[in-house]
Protein backbone atom coordinates (compact mmCIF):
# COMPACT_ATOMS: atom_id res chain seq x y z
CA MET A 1 0.05 0.05 -0.03
CA ARG A 2 1.24 3.52 -0.78
CA LYS A 3 2.35 5.67 2.05
CA ILE A 4 1.18 9.25 1.51
CA LYS A 5 3.64 11.85 3.30
CA ARG A 6 1.38 13.99 5.39
CA LYS A 7 1.90 17.74 4.92
CA SER A 8 0.21 21.09 6.09
CA ARG A 9 -2.56 20.31 2.74
CA SER A 10 -3.87 17.24 1.46
CA ALA A 11 -2.19 15.64 -1.30
CA THR A 12 -3.75 15.74 -4.53
CA LEU A 13 -4.92 12.85 -6.93
CA LYS A 14 -2.06 13.92 -9.27
CA GLU A 15 0.44 13.39 -6.40
CA ILE A 16 -0.67 10.20 -5.29
CA TYR A 17 -1.89 8.43 -8.64
CA PRO A 18 -0.29 10.30 -11.21
CA ALA A 19 -1.38 7.74 -14.12
CA ILE A 20 -4.85 7.97 -13.10
CA ALA A 21 -5.14 11.73 -12.97
CA GLU A 22 -3.28 11.93 -16.72
CA TYR A 23 -5.65 9.15 -17.89
CA VAL A 24 -9.03 10.99 -16.66
CA SER A 25 -7.60 14.24 -18.02
CA GLY A 26 -7.72 13.12 -21.85
CA TRP A 27 -7.57 9.34 -22.44
CA GLY A 28 -10.77 8.12 -20.92
CA TRP A 29 -12.91 7.74 -17.37
CA ILE A 30 -13.07 5.35 -14.54
CA GLU A 31 -16.23 4.11 -12.95
CA VAL A 32 -16.10 3.24 -9.49
CA GLY A 33 -18.58 0.99 -7.45
CA ARG A 34 -20.14 -2.44 -8.18
CA ASP A 35 -23.61 -2.64 -9.62
CA GLU A 36 -25.84 -5.46 -10.99
CA MET A 37 -23.99 -5.23 -14.33
CA ASN A 38 -20.37 -4.90 -13.22
CA ARG A 39 -18.65 -7.33 -10.64
CA SER A 40 -15.54 -5.36 -10.60
CA PHE A 41 -15.03 -2.32 -8.40
CA VAL A 42 -13.04 -0.17 -10.61
CA ARG A 43 -13.29 0.39 -14.34
CA ALA A 44 -11.21 2.46 -16.77
CA LEU A 45 -13.08 2.95 -20.10
CA ASP A 46 -12.43 5.06 -23.23
CA ASP A 47 -14.47 5.76 -26.04
CA GLY A 48 -13.83 2.22 -27.44
CA GLY A 49 -15.05 0.48 -24.16
CA LEU A 50 -13.48 -1.51 -21.34
CA VAL A 51 -9.65 -0.94 -21.15
CA TRP A 52 -9.21 -2.33 -17.60
CA GLU A 53 -11.32 -3.75 -14.66
CA SER A 54 -10.29 -4.70 -11.33
CA PRO A 55 -10.52 -8.45 -10.04
CA SER A 56 -14.07 -9.25 -8.65
CA LYS A 57 -12.83 -9.94 -5.30
CA THR A 58 -10.59 -6.88 -4.66
CA ARG A 59 -10.39 -6.36 -0.71
CA SER A 60 -10.34 -2.77 -0.90
CA ALA A 61 -10.67 0.29 -2.57
CA ASP A 62 -6.83 0.95 -1.94
CA MET A 63 -5.98 -2.11 -3.42
CA ALA A 64 -8.13 -1.56 -6.45
CA PHE A 65 -6.46 2.11 -7.34
CA GLU A 66 -3.10 0.69 -6.71
CA ALA A 67 -3.86 -1.89 -9.34
CA LEU A 68 -5.55 0.53 -11.49
CA GLU A 69 -2.43 3.15 -11.48
CA ALA A 70 -0.03 0.24 -12.54
CA ALA A 71 -2.24 -0.99 -15.46
CA LEU A 72 -2.66 2.58 -16.56
CA LYS A 73 0.79 3.41 -16.57
CA LYS A 74 1.52 0.31 -18.88
CA ILE A 75 -1.47 0.78 -21.05
CA MET A 76 -0.67 4.43 -21.61
CA THR A 77 3.16 3.75 -22.13
CA GLN A 78 2.16 1.13 -24.59
CA ASN A 79 -0.10 3.37 -26.75
CA ALA A 80 1.80 6.69 -26.44
């Protein structure tokens, strides 16, 4: 799990998850939460559809966002 250095202000999304911040700023969007149509907790999508989804048994939001960060880094590097 990522350790966040506490400062006098809260850390930004871009500081904690730079790949996620870049992705939602121009590549696509993310969806968070389960519903009757999706078993995953976090999904990354673009105009072409689903790009990545967390495993259905992800134990925490922290784990899901760590996995999303790593996946998006790889995806954006491959497609740059």
